Amino acid sequence: MGFDDKAHNKAEELGGKAKEALGRSNDDPDLEAEGKRDQMSAGLKQAGEKVKDALHDVKDAFKKHD
């Protein structure tokens, strides 16, 4: 996983947390829900990138044993 992807996903997660908090403090359930969706989206992207990293590590491990 590239550093750019990690940074982008983390920024999306933090932005979602900020939206959620702002929505909660302003009694705006739509903004709060949007923030939660942003966090969920970022989390799924991060999980997908971790799976790709793990598969890459397995592939590298097999190359070393050839």
PDB file of N, CA and C in Angstrom:
ATOM      1  N   MET A   1       0.848  -1.166   0.000  1.00  0.00           N
ATOM      2  CA  MET A   1       0.000   0.000   0.000  1.00  0.00           C
ATOM      3  C   MET A   1       0.890   1.223   0.000  1.00  0.00           C
ATOM      4  N   GLY A   2       0.621   2.132  -0.897  1.00  0.00           N
ATOM      5  CA  GLY A   2       1.439   3.320  -0.998  1.00  0.00           C
ATOM      6  C   GLY A   2       1.161   4.308   0.110  1.00  0.00           C
ATOM      7  N   PHE A   3       2.151   5.100   0.385  1.00  0.00           N
ATOM      8  CA  PHE A   3       2.009   6.118   1.424  1.00  0.00           C
ATOM      9  C   PHE A   3       0.875   7.081   1.096  1.00  0.00           C
ATOM     10  N   ASP A   4       0.735   7.422  -0.189  1.00  0.00           N
ATOM     11  CA  ASP A   4      -0.328   8.342  -0.599  1.00  0.00           C
ATOM     12  C   ASP A   4      -1.702   7.774  -0.272  1.00  0.00           C
ATOM     13  N   ASP A   5      -1.889   6.464  -0.537  1.00  0.00           N
ATOM     14  CA  ASP A   5      -3.167   5.824  -0.230  1.00  0.00           C
ATOM     15  C   ASP A   5      -3.445   5.847   1.268  1.00  0.00           C
ATOM     16  N   LYS A   6      -2.426   5.533   2.053  1.00  0.00           N
ATOM     17  CA  LYS A   6      -2.589   5.521   3.508  1.00  0.00           C
ATOM     18  C   LYS A   6      -2.968   6.915   4.007  1.00  0.00           C
ATOM     19  N   ALA A   7      -2.268   7.923   3.508  1.00  0.00           N
ATOM     20  CA  ALA A   7      -2.522   9.303   3.940  1.00  0.00           C
ATOM     21  C   ALA A   7      -3.928   9.741   3.537  1.00  0.00           C
ATOM     22  N   HIS A   8      -4.324   9.404   2.316  1.00  0.00           N
ATOM     23  CA  HIS A   8      -5.653   9.787   1.838  1.00  0.00           C
ATOM     24  C   HIS A   8      -6.742   9.119   2.673  1.00  0.00           C
ATOM     25  N   ASN A   9      -6.588   7.829   2.946  1.00  0.00           N
ATOM     26  CA  ASN A   9      -7.584   7.106   3.737  1.00  0.00           C
ATOM     27  C   ASN A   9      -7.662   7.651   5.160  1.00  0.00           C
ATOM     28  N   LYS A  10      -6.516   7.973   5.739  1.00  0.00           N
ATOM     29  CA  LYS A  10      -6.501   8.521   7.095  1.00  0.00           C
ATOM     30  C   LYS A  10      -7.155   9.901   7.113  1.00  0.00           C
ATOM     31  N   ALA A  11      -6.880  10.701   6.095  1.00  0.00           N
ATOM     32  CA  ALA A  11      -7.497  12.026   6.010  1.00  0.00           C
ATOM     33  C   ALA A  11      -9.014  11.904   5.871  1.00  0.00           C
ATOM     34  N   GLU A  12      -9.462  10.939   5.091  1.00  0.00           N
ATOM     35  CA  GLU A  12     -10.896  10.722   4.925  1.00  0.00           C
ATOM     36  C   GLU A  12     -11.528  10.295   6.258  1.00  0.00           C
ATOM     37  N   GLU A  13     -10.829   9.436   6.983  1.00  0.00           N
ATOM     38  CA  GLU A  13     -11.321   8.994   8.284  1.00  0.00           C
ATOM     39  C   GLU A  13     -11.425  10.171   9.261  1.00  0.00           C
ATOM     40  N   LEU A  14     -10.373  10.986   9.322  1.00  0.00           N
ATOM     41  CA  LEU A  14     -10.371  12.134  10.233  1.00  0.00           C
ATOM     42  C   LEU A  14     -11.426  13.166   9.834  1.00  0.00           C
ATOM     43  N   GLY A  15     -11.595  13.352   8.536  1.00  0.00           N
ATOM     44  CA  GLY A  15     -12.636  14.266   8.060  1.00  0.00           C
ATOM     45  C   GLY A  15     -14.014  13.770   8.463  1.00  0.00           C
ATOM     46  N   GLY A  16     -14.202  12.461   8.385  1.00  0.00           N
ATOM     47  CA  GLY A  16     -15.475  11.875   8.804  1.00  0.00           C
ATOM     48  C   GLY A  16     -15.730  12.079  10.282  1.00  0.00           C
ATOM     49  N   LYS A  17     -14.690  11.920  11.082  1.00  0.00           N
ATOM     50  CA  LYS A  17     -14.844  12.143  12.526  1.00  0.00           C
ATOM     51  C   LYS A  17     -15.222  13.598  12.803  1.00  0.00           C
ATOM     52  N   ALA A  18     -14.601  14.512  12.069  1.00  0.00           N
ATOM     53  CA  ALA A  18     -14.902  15.933  12.257  1.00  0.00           C
ATOM     54  C   ALA A  18     -16.344  16.229  11.848  1.00  0.00           C
ATOM     55  N   LYS A  19     -16.793  15.679  10.718  1.00  0.00           N
ATOM     56  CA  LYS A  19     -18.176  15.888  10.281  1.00  0.00           C
ATOM     57  C   LYS A  19     -19.159  15.324  11.301  1.00  0.00           C
ATOM     58  N   GLU A  20     -18.849  14.130  11.791  1.00  0.00           N
ATOM     59  CA  GLU A  20     -19.729  13.506  12.776  1.00  0.00           C
ATOM     60  C   GLU A  20     -19.847  14.388  14.024  1.00  0.00           C
ATOM     61  N   ALA A  21     -18.718  14.868  14.525  1.00  0.00           N
ATOM     62  CA  ALA A  21     -18.720  15.704  15.723  1.00  0.00           C
ATOM     63  C   ALA A  21     -19.448  17.028  15.468  1.00  0.00           C
ATOM     64  N   LEU A  22     -19.211  17.613  14.301  1.00  0.00           N
ATOM     65  CA  LEU A  22     -19.876  18.874  13.970  1.00  0.00           C
ATOM     66  C   LEU A  22     -21.386  18.669  13.855  1.00  0.00           C
ATOM     67  N   GLY A  23     -21.771  17.574  13.216  1.00  0.00           N
ATOM     68  CA  GLY A  23     -23.196  17.274  13.106  1.00  0.00           C
ATOM     69  C   GLY A  23     -23.834  17.056  14.458  1.00  0.00           C
ATOM     70  N   ARG A  24     -23.126  16.346  15.332  1.00  0.00           N
ATOM     71  CA  ARG A  24     -23.658  16.088  16.679  1.00  0.00           C
ATOM     72  C   ARG A  24     -23.781  17.405  17.460  1.00  0.00           C
ATOM     73  N   SER A  25     -22.757  18.252  17.380  1.00  0.00           N
ATOM     74  CA  SER A  25     -22.783  19.498  18.162  1.00  0.00           C
ATOM     75  C   SER A  25     -23.808  20.500  17.626  1.00  0.00           C
ATOM     76  N   ASN A  26     -24.105  20.429  16.329  1.00  0.00           N
ATOM     77  CA  ASN A  26     -25.074  21.351  15.725  1.00  0.00           C
ATOM     78  C   ASN A  26     -26.460  20.730  15.575  1.00  0.00           C
ATOM     79  N   ASP A  27     -26.638  19.552  16.160  1.00  0.00           N
ATOM     80  CA  ASP A  27     -27.908  18.838  16.077  1.00  0.00           C
ATOM     81  C   ASP A  27     -28.331  18.649  14.609  1.00  0.00           C
ATOM     82  N   ASP A  28     -27.370  18.203  13.795  1.00  0.00           N
ATOM     83  CA  ASP A  28     -27.602  17.962  12.367  1.00  0.00           C
ATOM     84  C   ASP A  28     -27.383  16.468  12.093  1.00  0.00           C
ATOM     85  N   PRO A  29     -28.449  15.669  12.168  1.00  0.00           N
ATOM     86  CA  PRO A  29     -28.292  14.225  12.000  1.00  0.00           C
ATOM     87  C   PRO A  29     -27.781  13.821  10.614  1.00  0.00           C
ATOM     88  N   ASP A  30     -28.083  14.621   9.593  1.00  0.00           N
ATOM     89  CA  ASP A  30     -27.602  14.300   8.248  1.00  0.00           C
ATOM     90  C   ASP A  30     -26.088  14.426   8.162  1.00  0.00           C
ATOM     91  N   LEU A  31     -25.539  15.493   8.714  1.00  0.00           N
ATOM     92  CA  LEU A  31     -24.088  15.699   8.703  1.00  0.00           C
ATOM     93  C   LEU A  31     -23.400  14.636   9.570  1.00  0.00           C
ATOM     94  N   GLU A  32     -24.010  14.320  10.699  1.00  0.00           N
ATOM     95  CA  GLU A  32     -23.459  13.283  11.575  1.00  0.00           C
ATOM     96  C   GLU A  32     -23.410  11.938  10.843  1.00  0.00           C
ATOM     97  N   ALA A  33     -24.489  11.603  10.143  1.00  0.00           N
ATOM     98  CA  ALA A  33     -24.529  10.344   9.387  1.00  0.00           C
ATOM     99  C   ALA A  33     -23.521  10.352   8.246  1.00  0.00           C
ATOM    100  N   GLU A  34     -23.362  11.494   7.588  1.00  0.00           N
ATOM    101  CA  GLU A  34     -22.375  11.597   6.507  1.00  0.00           C
ATOM    102  C   GLU A  34     -20.971  11.356   7.048  1.00  0.00           C
ATOM    103  N   GLY A  35     -20.690  11.893   8.214  1.00  0.00           N
ATOM    104  CA  GLY A  35     -19.387  11.672   8.845  1.00  0.00           C
ATOM    105  C   GLY A  35     -19.156  10.208   9.156  1.00  0.00           C
ATOM    106  N   LYS A  36     -20.173   9.540   9.645  1.00  0.00           N
ATOM    107  CA  LYS A  36     -20.054   8.108   9.939  1.00  0.00           C
ATOM    108  C   LYS A  36     -19.823   7.313   8.663  1.00  0.00           C
ATOM    109  N   ARG A  37     -20.518   7.693   7.582  1.00  0.00           N
ATOM    110  CA  ARG A  37     -20.319   7.006   6.291  1.00  0.00           C
ATOM    111  C   ARG A  37     -18.893   7.212   5.783  1.00  0.00           C
ATOM    112  N   ASP A  38     -18.387   8.424   5.912  1.00  0.00           N
ATOM    113  CA  ASP A  38     -17.015   8.706   5.477  1.00  0.00           C
ATOM    114  C   ASP A  38     -16.017   7.835   6.247  1.00  0.00           C
ATOM    115  N   GLN A  39     -16.242   7.708   7.560  1.00  0.00           N
ATOM    116  CA  GLN A  39     -15.352   6.880   8.373  1.00  0.00           C
ATOM    117  C   GLN A  39     -15.431   5.417   7.950  1.00  0.00           C
ATOM    118  N   MET A  40     -16.645   4.944   7.682  1.00  0.00           N
ATOM    119  CA  MET A  40     -16.816   3.558   7.275  1.00  0.00           C
ATOM    120  C   MET A  40     -16.140   3.308   5.927  1.00  0.00           C
ATOM    121  N   SER A  41     -16.308   4.235   5.022  1.00  0.00           N
ATOM    122  CA  SER A  41     -15.686   4.117   3.709  1.00  0.00           C
ATOM    123  C   SER A  41     -14.169   4.059   3.824  1.00  0.00           C
ATOM    124  N   ALA A  42     -13.615   4.939   4.625  1.00  0.00           N
ATOM    125  CA  ALA A  42     -12.163   4.962   4.821  1.00  0.00           C
ATOM    126  C   ALA A  42     -11.690   3.662   5.468  1.00  0.00           C
ATOM    127  N   GLY A  43     -12.450   3.168   6.431  1.00  0.00           N
ATOM    128  CA  GLY A  43     -12.089   1.915   7.090  1.00  0.00           C
ATOM    129  C   GLY A  43     -12.091   0.738   6.136  1.00  0.00           C
ATOM    130  N   LEU A  44     -13.077   0.691   5.254  1.00  0.00           N
ATOM    131  CA  LEU A  44     -13.129  -0.390   4.264  1.00  0.00           C
ATOM    132  C   LEU A  44     -11.960  -0.304   3.293  1.00  0.00           C
ATOM    133  N   LYS A  45     -11.622   0.904   2.885  1.00  0.00           N
ATOM    134  CA  LYS A  45     -10.471   1.083   1.988  1.00  0.00           C
ATOM    135  C   LYS A  45      -9.182   0.644   2.672  1.00  0.00           C
ATOM    136  N   GLN A  46      -9.044   0.998   3.944  1.00  0.00           N
ATOM    137  CA  GLN A  46      -7.848   0.606   4.693  1.00  0.00           C
ATOM    138  C   GLN A  46      -7.776  -0.913   4.829  1.00  0.00           C
ATOM    139  N   ALA A  47      -8.910  -1.552   5.074  1.00  0.00           N
ATOM    140  CA  ALA A  47      -8.933  -3.016   5.191  1.00  0.00           C
ATOM    141  C   ALA A  47      -8.549  -3.653   3.864  1.00  0.00           C
ATOM    142  N   GLY A  48      -9.069  -3.125   2.772  1.00  0.00           N
ATOM    143  CA  GLY A  48      -8.726  -3.648   1.454  1.00  0.00           C
ATOM    144  C   GLY A  48      -7.242  -3.508   1.157  1.00  0.00           C
ATOM    145  N   GLU A  49      -6.674  -2.386   1.535  1.00  0.00           N
ATOM    146  CA  GLU A  49      -5.243  -2.170   1.313  1.00  0.00           C
ATOM    147  C   GLU A  49      -4.414  -3.124   2.173  1.00  0.00           C
ATOM    148  N   LYS A  50      -4.880  -3.407   3.390  1.00  0.00           N
ATOM    149  CA  LYS A  50      -4.158  -4.357   4.253  1.00  0.00           C
ATOM    150  C   LYS A  50      -4.187  -5.757   3.650  1.00  0.00           C
ATOM    151  N   VAL A  51      -5.309  -6.140   3.053  1.00  0.00           N
ATOM    152  CA  VAL A  51      -5.399  -7.444   2.389  1.00  0.00           C
ATOM    153  C   VAL A  51      -4.419  -7.496   1.218  1.00  0.00           C
ATOM    154  N   LYS A  52      -4.378  -6.430   0.437  1.00  0.00           N
ATOM    155  CA  LYS A  52      -3.428  -6.391  -0.683  1.00  0.00           C
ATOM    156  C   LYS A  52      -1.992  -6.490  -0.186  1.00  0.00           C
ATOM    157  N   ASP A  53      -1.687  -5.796   0.909  1.00  0.00           N
ATOM    158  CA  ASP A  53      -0.341  -5.865   1.487  1.00  0.00           C
ATOM    159  C   ASP A  53      -0.014  -7.286   1.932  1.00  0.00           C
ATOM    160  N   ALA A  54      -0.972  -7.945   2.571  1.00  0.00           N
ATOM    161  CA  ALA A  54      -0.747  -9.308   3.055  1.00  0.00           C
ATOM    162  C   ALA A  54      -0.523 -10.260   1.886  1.00  0.00           C
ATOM    163  N   LEU A  55      -1.305 -10.111   0.835  1.00  0.00           N
ATOM    164  CA  LEU A  55      -1.120 -10.970  -0.343  1.00  0.00           C
ATOM    165  C   LEU A  55       0.236 -10.726  -0.986  1.00  0.00           C
ATOM    166  N   HIS A  56       0.659  -9.481  -1.005  1.00  0.00           N
ATOM    167  CA  HIS A  56       1.970  -9.141  -1.551  1.00  0.00           C
ATOM    168  C   HIS A  56       3.075  -9.790  -0.706  1.00  0.00           C
ATOM    169  N   ASP A  57       2.904  -9.762   0.623  1.00  0.00           N
ATOM    170  CA  ASP A  57       3.889 -10.383   1.514  1.00  0.00           C
ATOM    171  C   ASP A  57       3.963 -11.893   1.290  1.00  0.00           C
ATOM    172  N   VAL A  58       2.809 -12.527   1.093  1.00  0.00           N
ATOM    173  CA  VAL A  58       2.789 -13.973   0.833  1.00  0.00           C
ATOM    174  C   VAL A  58       3.483 -14.272  -0.484  1.00  0.00           C
ATOM    175  N   LYS A  59       3.193 -13.477  -1.487  1.00  0.00           N
ATOM    176  CA  LYS A  59       3.818 -13.651  -2.799  1.00  0.00           C
ATOM    177  C   LYS A  59       5.337 -13.515  -2.680  1.00  0.00           C
ATOM    178  N   ASP A  60       5.793 -12.521  -1.926  1.00  0.00           N
ATOM    179  CA  ASP A  60       7.237 -12.325  -1.719  1.00  0.00           C
ATOM    180  C   ASP A  60       7.856 -13.502  -0.971  1.00  0.00           C
ATOM    181  N   ALA A  61       7.131 -14.040   0.001  1.00  0.00           N
ATOM    182  CA  ALA A  61       7.637 -15.181   0.775  1.00  0.00           C
ATOM    183  C   ALA A  61       7.839 -16.394  -0.140  1.00  0.00           C
ATOM    184  N   PHE A  62       6.931 -16.625  -1.067  1.00  0.00           N
ATOM    185  CA  PHE A  62       7.062 -17.751  -1.981  1.00  0.00           C
ATOM    186  C   PHE A  62       8.223 -17.539  -2.951  1.00  0.00           C
ATOM    187  N   LYS A  63       8.448 -16.292  -3.356  1.00  0.00           N
ATOM    188  CA  LYS A  63       9.572 -16.001  -4.253  1.00  0.00           C
ATOM    189  C   LYS A  63      10.899 -16.328  -3.585  1.00  0.00           C
ATOM    190  N   LYS A  64      10.995 -16.063  -2.283  1.00  0.00           N
ATOM    191  CA  LYS A  64      12.234 -16.307  -1.561  1.00  0.00           C
ATOM    192  C   LYS A  64      12.525 -17.794  -1.441  1.00  0.00           C
ATOM    193  N   HIS A  65      11.486 -18.626  -1.468  1.00  0.00           N
ATOM    194  CA  HIS A  65      11.666 -20.053  -1.294  1.00  0.00           C
ATOM    195  C   HIS A  65      11.851 -20.791  -2.615  1.00  0.00           C
ATOM    196  N   ASP A  66      11.803 -20.088  -3.713  1.00  0.00           N
ATOM    197  CA  ASP A  66      11.988 -20.737  -5.037  1.00  0.00           C
ATOM    198  C   ASP A  66      13.419 -21.026  -5.317  1.00  0.00           C
TER     199      ASP A  66
END
